[in-house]
């Protein structure tokens, strides 16, 4: 951990909440993953953050969120504090997974960098290393599915052209185009454009026995930066992406921490959901 929290140290992991009771939650949004195809919503975003409790922060995953179809006043940003009602996701055994009740969502405030954010995020940084997360997942343990790990060193950001949506993913989005929606008429819906590149970080975590990790970059900001450089050549776009997500965000002076999350169907597959400047004070 890098320091004390605002009020208490919180819980870096906890057991699955039983039942399906609806509760109120205050959540500091730290992660917005890139949108993925969905049959019911066209495309959805997995959002994660810190649930703010009297005992400190704890991880929470909010899914599904059809972000493109939310009302304008509900389109939150990273590091917004939001209020909403949630219930444990009964089809998802991961303890941190909750189903959001979207019509209850409101934006309370926004935290500027960096000190106001550190007060909430610091208590959970470095509670686990990537090797431990992987080992527990491979052993079938109901371990944490969200964490903030501290890389010992970051070797590279690999980039390659994305092959496009699979036939199954396209079928999901096309099915959504042909059904009524709570978020607007059919004319408001469109197929989600695929990203141009996919990226993977190669790094070593803080475990002394670490032989290295290769994990996909899943942050929505990663795909948005690609769109800003859609007119550039492949090499120029790659250079801009590396300048932002490697040279700048992972600079030694920033003390980068990786927000990690795993997949429901492949719990041993963790990806990088975002990069946090833990060392900037």
Foldseek 3Di string as FASTA:
>chain_A
DLDAAPQALDDADDAADDDWDKDKWKWQWAFWFAWAQAQAQRTFIKTKTWTQDNRATYIAIEDGHSLVLDDPQQNDDHQWIKMFIWTGDPVFRQRRYIYTPRVRIGTDGGDDDDVVPCNRQVSFEQPDKLVVQLVCVVVVHSTHQKGKFFFPDWDAKDKDFDPDDDPVRVVSNVSNLPDQDPRDGSVSGDNDGDAGMKIWIWTFTPDPPTPIDIATEGGNVLRVLRVVCVVPDPVVSVVVSCVPPPVPLVPPQQSKIFIWGADRVRSSHIHGRDIHSNNDD
